Amino acid sequence: MFSNVIATTGNVTATEFFICVGASLIMGFLISLIYMATHRKEGYSQSYVFTMIMLPTIVSLILLLINTPAGALSLAGAFTLVRFRSVAGDPKDIAYIFFAMAAGTACGIGYVGYAIVFFIVIGAVLLLLSEMNFGGSKRTHMTLKITIPENLDYQGVFEPVLNKYTVFHKLRRVKTTNFGTLFELIYSVDVPDSCDQKKFIDELRTLNGNMNINLIFFRYDDKIYEN
């Protein structure tokens, strides 16, 4: 009875169904492992890992059921558009969406062998580039916020310290806080990896009257980190 139901959806046999969906599920799981391996330092979210597992299988099943290449591919593209509209993720994360989509599409239209070769090649390249830290920068871009009293002439005061500890700095914005009794200076700074951030902040504190200083990194929310 089950095989008859599958057959009516597009002449797909039970064996073909389980091979295509099973292969896409396995590749989704393996893609998630590669994603975790390449993001173990900068962090990753558990929900994104689950997405990597589910997405190829979902796409594969839809392609099997529609059984029309043009309609199936357009619907597969709609899945990526939903992701783009909902969350503006890191470009590398978006590339993993395409990776999972391509693997699921290949399995869904029956090219399981090509999907396996594609996964091996792309997976090996991603792991190699991650281990080589290809394209990695030796400095970190941050946002520096310095609070100063309203009577402090801030122009040029912090330049010696910024020139000492950063390779680039630019004052982006000045605004008043605490009902105009304080000023907040907002800088964009590039800090080398060798920078002693504690000394950097301590020297700034001696110039702003030991008031608040924020050195802001990227926001990671609920991401998981590994050593």
C-alpha atoms as a PDB file:
ATOM      1  CA  MET A   1       0.000   0.000   0.000  1.00  0.00           C
ATOM      2  CA  PHE A   2       2.821   2.430   0.904  1.00  0.00           C
ATOM      3  CA  SER A   3       4.625   1.788  -2.355  1.00  0.00           C
ATOM      4  CA  ASN A   4       1.402   2.457  -4.288  1.00  0.00           C
ATOM      5  CA  VAL A   5       1.027   5.859  -2.593  1.00  0.00           C
ATOM      6  CA  ILE A   6       4.612   6.788  -3.551  1.00  0.00           C
ATOM      7  CA  ALA A   7       4.097   5.629  -7.080  1.00  0.00           C
ATOM      8  CA  THR A   8       1.125   7.950  -7.537  1.00  0.00           C
ATOM      9  CA  THR A   9       3.238  10.967  -6.557  1.00  0.00           C
ATOM     10  CA  GLY A  10       5.544  10.726  -9.559  1.00  0.00           C
ATOM     11  CA  ASN A  11       6.602   7.188 -10.354  1.00  0.00           C
ATOM     12  CA  VAL A  12       9.080   7.118  -7.467  1.00  0.00           C
ATOM     13  CA  THR A  13       9.630   3.660  -6.027  1.00  0.00           C
ATOM     14  CA  ALA A  14      10.044   3.027  -2.317  1.00  0.00           C
ATOM     15  CA  THR A  15      13.697   2.083  -2.863  1.00  0.00           C
ATOM     16  CA  GLU A  16      14.423   5.316  -4.711  1.00  0.00           C
ATOM     17  CA  PHE A  17      12.599   7.289  -2.054  1.00  0.00           C
ATOM     18  CA  PHE A  18      14.617   5.847   0.825  1.00  0.00           C
ATOM     19  CA  ILE A  19      17.913   6.120  -1.055  1.00  0.00           C
ATOM     20  CA  CYS A  20      17.430   9.789  -1.975  1.00  0.00           C
ATOM     21  CA  VAL A  21      15.989  10.941   1.343  1.00  0.00           C
ATOM     22  CA  GLY A  22      18.419   8.809   3.365  1.00  0.00           C
ATOM     23  CA  ALA A  23      21.429  10.103   1.434  1.00  0.00           C
ATOM     24  CA  SER A  24      20.301  13.710   1.879  1.00  0.00           C
ATOM     25  CA  LEU A  25      19.799  13.152   5.616  1.00  0.00           C
ATOM     26  CA  ILE A  26      23.267  11.654   6.004  1.00  0.00           C
ATOM     27  CA  MET A  27      24.857  14.479   4.003  1.00  0.00           C
ATOM     28  CA  GLY A  28      22.957  17.062   6.044  1.00  0.00           C
ATOM     29  CA  PHE A  29      24.391  15.520   9.207  1.00  0.00           C
ATOM     30  CA  LEU A  30      27.914  15.482   7.741  1.00  0.00           C
ATOM     31  CA  ILE A  31      27.556  19.096   6.559  1.00  0.00           C
ATOM     32  CA  SER A  32      26.584  20.068  10.108  1.00  0.00           C
ATOM     33  CA  LEU A  33      29.747  18.378  11.423  1.00  0.00           C
ATOM     34  CA  ILE A  34      31.868  20.340   8.942  1.00  0.00           C
ATOM     35  CA  TYR A  35      30.038  23.518   9.966  1.00  0.00           C
ATOM     36  CA  MET A  36      30.811  22.888  13.647  1.00  0.00           C
ATOM     37  CA  ALA A  37      34.435  22.050  12.865  1.00  0.00           C
ATOM     38  CA  THR A  38      34.981  25.234  10.847  1.00  0.00           C
ATOM     39  CA  HIS A  39      33.171  27.423  13.426  1.00  0.00           C
ATOM     40  CA  ARG A  40      34.600  25.975  16.636  1.00  0.00           C
ATOM     41  CA  LYS A  41      36.624  29.136  17.354  1.00  0.00           C
ATOM     42  CA  GLU A  42      34.194  31.916  16.398  1.00  0.00           C
ATOM     43  CA  GLY A  43      31.159  30.030  17.708  1.00  0.00           C
ATOM     44  CA  TYR A  44      27.945  28.649  16.246  1.00  0.00           C
ATOM     45  CA  SER A  45      24.299  28.310  17.264  1.00  0.00           C
ATOM     46  CA  GLN A  46      22.636  24.972  17.885  1.00  0.00           C
ATOM     47  CA  SER A  47      19.596  25.991  15.821  1.00  0.00           C
ATOM     48  CA  TYR A  48      21.796  26.571  12.773  1.00  0.00           C
ATOM     49  CA  VAL A  49      23.338  23.111  13.181  1.00  0.00           C
ATOM     50  CA  PHE A  50      19.849  21.587  13.217  1.00  0.00           C
ATOM     51  CA  THR A  51      19.009  23.592  10.107  1.00  0.00           C
ATOM     52  CA  MET A  52      21.989  22.082   8.269  1.00  0.00           C
ATOM     53  CA  ILE A  53      20.669  18.602   9.066  1.00  0.00           C
ATOM     54  CA  MET A  54      17.040  19.218   8.121  1.00  0.00           C
ATOM     55  CA  LEU A  55      17.389  21.395   5.031  1.00  0.00           C
ATOM     56  CA  PRO A  56      18.841  18.847   2.533  1.00  0.00           C
ATOM     57  CA  THR A  57      16.238  16.270   3.541  1.00  0.00           C
ATOM     58  CA  ILE A  58      13.324  18.694   3.191  1.00  0.00           C
ATOM     59  CA  VAL A  59      14.502  19.917  -0.200  1.00  0.00           C
ATOM     60  CA  SER A  60      15.108  16.362  -1.393  1.00  0.00           C
ATOM     61  CA  LEU A  61      11.594  15.251  -0.431  1.00  0.00           C
ATOM     62  CA  ILE A  62       9.945  18.236  -2.131  1.00  0.00           C
ATOM     63  CA  LEU A  63      11.895  17.603  -5.326  1.00  0.00           C
ATOM     64  CA  LEU A  64      10.868  13.933  -5.280  1.00  0.00           C
ATOM     65  CA  LEU A  65       7.195  14.790  -4.874  1.00  0.00           C
ATOM     66  CA  ILE A  66       6.959  17.627  -7.398  1.00  0.00           C
ATOM     67  CA  ASN A  67       8.750  15.635 -10.095  1.00  0.00           C
ATOM     68  CA  THR A  68       8.949  18.714 -12.384  1.00  0.00           C
ATOM     69  CA  PRO A  69      12.468  20.108 -12.772  1.00  0.00           C
ATOM     70  CA  ALA A  70      11.466  23.741 -13.365  1.00  0.00           C
ATOM     71  CA  GLY A  71       8.921  23.863 -10.556  1.00  0.00           C
ATOM     72  CA  ALA A  72      11.136  21.927  -8.167  1.00  0.00           C
ATOM     73  CA  LEU A  73      14.162  24.159  -8.674  1.00  0.00           C
ATOM     74  CA  SER A  74      12.116  27.326  -8.287  1.00  0.00           C
ATOM     75  CA  LEU A  75      10.643  26.009  -5.042  1.00  0.00           C
ATOM     76  CA  ALA A  76      14.108  25.035  -3.814  1.00  0.00           C
ATOM     77  CA  GLY A  77      15.253  28.601  -4.485  1.00  0.00           C
ATOM     78  CA  ALA A  78      12.346  29.907  -2.419  1.00  0.00           C
ATOM     79  CA  PHE A  79      13.783  28.181   0.655  1.00  0.00           C
ATOM     80  CA  THR A  80      16.992  30.194   0.420  1.00  0.00           C
ATOM     81  CA  LEU A  81      15.045  33.429  -0.016  1.00  0.00           C
ATOM     82  CA  VAL A  82      13.179  32.736   3.218  1.00  0.00           C
ATOM     83  CA  ARG A  83      16.482  32.426   5.017  1.00  0.00           C
ATOM     84  CA  PHE A  84      17.828  35.650   3.517  1.00  0.00           C
ATOM     85  CA  ARG A  85      14.749  37.635   4.491  1.00  0.00           C
ATOM     86  CA  SER A  86      14.499  36.324   8.024  1.00  0.00           C
ATOM     87  CA  VAL A  87      18.100  36.622   9.232  1.00  0.00           C
ATOM     88  CA  ALA A  88      20.988  38.554   7.733  1.00  0.00           C
ATOM     89  CA  GLY A  89      23.628  36.043   8.688  1.00  0.00           C
ATOM     90  CA  ASP A  90      27.350  35.886   8.182  1.00  0.00           C
ATOM     91  CA  PRO A  91      28.317  35.414   4.503  1.00  0.00           C
ATOM     92  CA  LYS A  92      29.987  32.117   5.378  1.00  0.00           C
ATOM     93  CA  ASP A  93      26.766  30.904   7.013  1.00  0.00           C
ATOM     94  CA  ILE A  94      24.821  31.808   3.868  1.00  0.00           C
ATOM     95  CA  ALA A  95      27.331  29.760   1.838  1.00  0.00           C
ATOM     96  CA  TYR A  96      26.535  26.757   4.050  1.00  0.00           C
ATOM     97  CA  ILE A  97      22.844  27.248   3.228  1.00  0.00           C
ATOM     98  CA  PHE A  98      23.721  26.968  -0.458  1.00  0.00           C
ATOM     99  CA  PHE A  99      25.911  23.937   0.322  1.00  0.00           C
ATOM    100  CA  ALA A 100      23.030  22.140   2.044  1.00  0.00           C
ATOM    101  CA  MET A 101      20.553  23.224  -0.643  1.00  0.00           C
ATOM    102  CA  ALA A 102      22.774  21.934  -3.452  1.00  0.00           C
ATOM    103  CA  ALA A 103      23.284  18.573  -1.745  1.00  0.00           C
ATOM    104  CA  GLY A 104      19.551  18.173  -1.125  1.00  0.00           C
ATOM    105  CA  THR A 105      18.703  19.211  -4.695  1.00  0.00           C
ATOM    106  CA  ALA A 106      21.135  16.702  -6.200  1.00  0.00           C
ATOM    107  CA  CYS A 107      19.690  13.899  -4.064  1.00  0.00           C
ATOM    108  CA  GLY A 108      16.114  14.966  -4.800  1.00  0.00           C
ATOM    109  CA  ILE A 109      16.538  14.687  -8.573  1.00  0.00           C
ATOM    110  CA  GLY A 110      18.290  11.326  -8.268  1.00  0.00           C
ATOM    111  CA  TYR A 111      21.959  12.259  -8.694  1.00  0.00           C
ATOM    112  CA  VAL A 112      23.083  10.766  -5.397  1.00  0.00           C
ATOM    113  CA  GLY A 113      26.536   9.855  -6.734  1.00  0.00           C
ATOM    114  CA  TYR A 114      27.167  13.407  -7.909  1.00  0.00           C
ATOM    115  CA  ALA A 115      25.905  14.694  -4.564  1.00  0.00           C
ATOM    116  CA  ILE A 116      28.428  12.513  -2.714  1.00  0.00           C
ATOM    117  CA  VAL A 117      31.314  13.678  -4.910  1.00  0.00           C
ATOM    118  CA  PHE A 118      30.184  17.301  -4.517  1.00  0.00           C
ATOM    119  CA  PHE A 119      30.028  16.925  -0.731  1.00  0.00           C
ATOM    120  CA  ILE A 120      33.496  15.335  -0.506  1.00  0.00           C
ATOM    121  CA  VAL A 121      35.134  18.039  -2.642  1.00  0.00           C
ATOM    122  CA  ILE A 122      33.471  21.042  -1.002  1.00  0.00           C
ATOM    123  CA  GLY A 123      33.786  19.583   2.500  1.00  0.00           C
ATOM    124  CA  ALA A 124      37.498  18.911   2.052  1.00  0.00           C
ATOM    125  CA  VAL A 125      38.078  22.420   0.711  1.00  0.00           C
ATOM    126  CA  LEU A 126      36.204  24.035   3.629  1.00  0.00           C
ATOM    127  CA  LEU A 127      38.127  22.033   6.235  1.00  0.00           C
ATOM    128  CA  LEU A 128      41.444  22.812   4.547  1.00  0.00           C
ATOM    129  CA  LEU A 129      40.735  26.545   4.318  1.00  0.00           C
ATOM    130  CA  SER A 130      39.633  26.592   7.950  1.00  0.00           C
ATOM    131  CA  GLU A 131      42.800  24.857   9.167  1.00  0.00           C
ATOM    132  CA  MET A 132      44.961  27.221   7.076  1.00  0.00           C
ATOM    133  CA  ASN A 133      42.990  30.235   8.387  1.00  0.00           C
ATOM    134  CA  PHE A 134      42.898  31.334   4.778  1.00  0.00           C
ATOM    135  CA  GLY A 135      42.089  35.030   4.429  1.00  0.00           C
ATOM    136  CA  GLY A 136      42.249  35.552   8.192  1.00  0.00           C
ATOM    137  CA  SER A 137      43.284  38.964   9.459  1.00  0.00           C
ATOM    138  CA  LYS A 138      45.955  39.541  12.097  1.00  0.00           C
ATOM    139  CA  ARG A 139      43.932  42.389  13.548  1.00  0.00           C
ATOM    140  CA  THR A 140      40.426  42.693  14.967  1.00  0.00           C
ATOM    141  CA  HIS A 141      37.910  45.380  14.148  1.00  0.00           C
ATOM    142  CA  MET A 142      36.148  46.739  17.234  1.00  0.00           C
ATOM    143  CA  THR A 143      34.052  49.656  18.392  1.00  0.00           C
ATOM    144  CA  LEU A 144      35.494  51.773  21.210  1.00  0.00           C
ATOM    145  CA  LYS A 145      33.175  53.894  23.365  1.00  0.00           C
ATOM    146  CA  ILE A 146      34.742  56.408  25.759  1.00  0.00           C
ATOM    147  CA  THR A 147      32.697  58.407  28.274  1.00  0.00           C
ATOM    148  CA  ILE A 148      34.128  61.796  29.245  1.00  0.00           C
ATOM    149  CA  PRO A 149      32.936  64.713  31.426  1.00  0.00           C
ATOM    150  CA  GLU A 150      31.354  67.626  29.600  1.00  0.00           C
ATOM    151  CA  ASN A 151      34.198  70.005  30.480  1.00  0.00           C
ATOM    152  CA  LEU A 152      36.934  67.857  28.870  1.00  0.00           C
ATOM    153  CA  ASP A 153      38.195  69.055  25.486  1.00  0.00           C
ATOM    154  CA  TYR A 154      38.444  65.658  23.813  1.00  0.00           C
ATOM    155  CA  GLN A 155      40.067  66.732  20.537  1.00  0.00           C
ATOM    156  CA  GLY A 156      43.530  65.183  20.394  1.00  0.00           C
ATOM    157  CA  VAL A 157      43.467  63.953  23.994  1.00  0.00           C
ATOM    158  CA  PHE A 158      43.278  60.245  23.187  1.00  0.00           C
ATOM    159  CA  GLU A 159      45.352  60.299  19.984  1.00  0.00           C
ATOM    160  CA  PRO A 160      48.705  59.263  21.589  1.00  0.00           C
ATOM    161  CA  VAL A 161      47.159  56.168  23.211  1.00  0.00           C
ATOM    162  CA  LEU A 162      45.167  55.238  20.098  1.00  0.00           C
ATOM    163  CA  ASN A 163      48.260  55.595  17.904  1.00  0.00           C
ATOM    164  CA  LYS A 164      50.162  53.334  20.308  1.00  0.00           C
ATOM    165  CA  TYR A 165      47.673  50.453  20.555  1.00  0.00           C
ATOM    166  CA  THR A 166      45.747  50.496  17.258  1.00  0.00           C
ATOM    167  CA  VAL A 167      46.696  50.239  13.602  1.00  0.00           C
ATOM    168  CA  PHE A 168      43.657  52.269  12.588  1.00  0.00           C
ATOM    169  CA  HIS A 169      41.219  54.490  14.455  1.00  0.00           C
ATOM    170  CA  LYS A 170      38.571  56.983  13.442  1.00  0.00           C
ATOM    171  CA  LEU A 171      36.139  59.015  15.491  1.00  0.00           C
ATOM    172  CA  ARG A 172      32.695  58.100  14.159  1.00  0.00           C
ATOM    173  CA  ARG A 173      30.277  59.862  16.475  1.00  0.00           C
ATOM    174  CA  VAL A 174      30.043  62.146  19.502  1.00  0.00           C
ATOM    175  CA  LYS A 175      26.870  62.277  21.575  1.00  0.00           C
ATOM    176  CA  THR A 176      25.742  63.542  24.958  1.00  0.00           C
ATOM    177  CA  THR A 177      24.474  61.246  27.695  1.00  0.00           C
ATOM    178  CA  ASN A 178      23.103  61.543  31.232  1.00  0.00           C
ATOM    179  CA  PHE A 179      21.047  64.655  30.387  1.00  0.00           C
ATOM    180  CA  GLY A 180      23.992  66.381  28.762  1.00  0.00           C
ATOM    181  CA  THR A 181      26.386  66.098  31.701  1.00  0.00           C
ATOM    182  CA  LEU A 182      28.585  63.551  29.886  1.00  0.00           C
ATOM    183  CA  PHE A 183      29.871  62.997  26.370  1.00  0.00           C
ATOM    184  CA  GLU A 184      30.332  59.638  24.660  1.00  0.00           C
ATOM    185  CA  LEU A 185      32.977  59.281  21.949  1.00  0.00           C
ATOM    186  CA  ILE A 186      32.512  56.369  19.556  1.00  0.00           C
ATOM    187  CA  TYR A 187      35.564  55.181  17.595  1.00  0.00           C
ATOM    188  CA  SER A 188      36.097  52.488  14.985  1.00  0.00           C
ATOM    189  CA  VAL A 189      39.429  50.824  15.791  1.00  0.00           C
ATOM    190  CA  ASP A 190      41.529  48.006  14.359  1.00  0.00           C
ATOM    191  CA  VAL A 191      43.470  46.306  17.149  1.00  0.00           C
ATOM    192  CA  PRO A 192      46.355  43.906  16.389  1.00  0.00           C
ATOM    193  CA  ASP A 193      46.285  40.447  17.955  1.00  0.00           C
ATOM    194  CA  SER A 194      49.412  41.299  19.965  1.00  0.00           C
ATOM    195  CA  CYS A 195      47.709  44.241  21.676  1.00  0.00           C
ATOM    196  CA  ASP A 196      47.507  44.163  25.473  1.00  0.00           C
ATOM    197  CA  GLN A 197      43.882  45.227  25.788  1.00  0.00           C
ATOM    198  CA  LYS A 198      44.030  45.744  29.563  1.00  0.00           C
ATOM    199  CA  LYS A 199      46.916  48.208  29.278  1.00  0.00           C
ATOM    200  CA  PHE A 200      45.121  49.875  26.394  1.00  0.00           C
ATOM    201  CA  ILE A 201      41.999  50.447  28.501  1.00  0.00           C
ATOM    202  CA  ASP A 202      44.002  51.426  31.596  1.00  0.00           C
ATOM    203  CA  GLU A 203      45.826  54.185  29.701  1.00  0.00           C
ATOM    204  CA  LEU A 204      42.545  55.480  28.324  1.00  0.00           C
ATOM    205  CA  ARG A 205      41.073  55.539  31.851  1.00  0.00           C
ATOM    206  CA  THR A 206      43.830  57.862  33.038  1.00  0.00           C
ATOM    207  CA  LEU A 207      42.743  60.364  30.380  1.00  0.00           C
ATOM    208  CA  ASN A 208      38.961  60.273  30.797  1.00  0.00           C
ATOM    209  CA  GLY A 209      38.829  60.520  34.599  1.00  0.00           C
ATOM    210  CA  ASN A 210      38.362  56.780  35.136  1.00  0.00           C
ATOM    211  CA  MET A 211      34.903  56.863  33.577  1.00  0.00           C
ATOM    212  CA  ASN A 212      33.247  54.129  31.496  1.00  0.00           C
ATOM    213  CA  ILE A 213      35.124  52.619  28.524  1.00  0.00           C
ATOM    214  CA  ASN A 214      33.581  49.934  26.313  1.00  0.00           C
ATOM    215  CA  LEU A 215      35.589  47.873  23.826  1.00  0.00           C
ATOM    216  CA  ILE A 216      32.938  46.058  21.825  1.00  0.00           C
ATOM    217  CA  PHE A 217      33.492  42.796  19.930  1.00  0.00           C
ATOM    218  CA  PHE A 218      31.044  41.025  17.618  1.00  0.00           C
ATOM    219  CA  ARG A 219      27.757  39.878  19.143  1.00  0.00           C
ATOM    220  CA  TYR A 220      27.362  36.074  19.407  1.00  0.00           C
ATOM    221  CA  ASP A 221      24.065  35.657  21.323  1.00  0.00           C
ATOM    222  CA  ASP A 222      23.547  31.921  22.066  1.00  0.00           C
ATOM    223  CA  LYS A 223      26.531  30.571  20.160  1.00  0.00           C
ATOM    224  CA  ILE A 224      28.551  27.566  21.318  1.00  0.00           C
ATOM    225  CA  TYR A 225      32.342  27.780  21.522  1.00  0.00           C
ATOM    226  CA  GLU A 226      35.023  25.103  21.502  1.00  0.00           C
ATOM    227  CA  ASN A 227      38.716  25.295  22.317  1.00  0.00           C
END
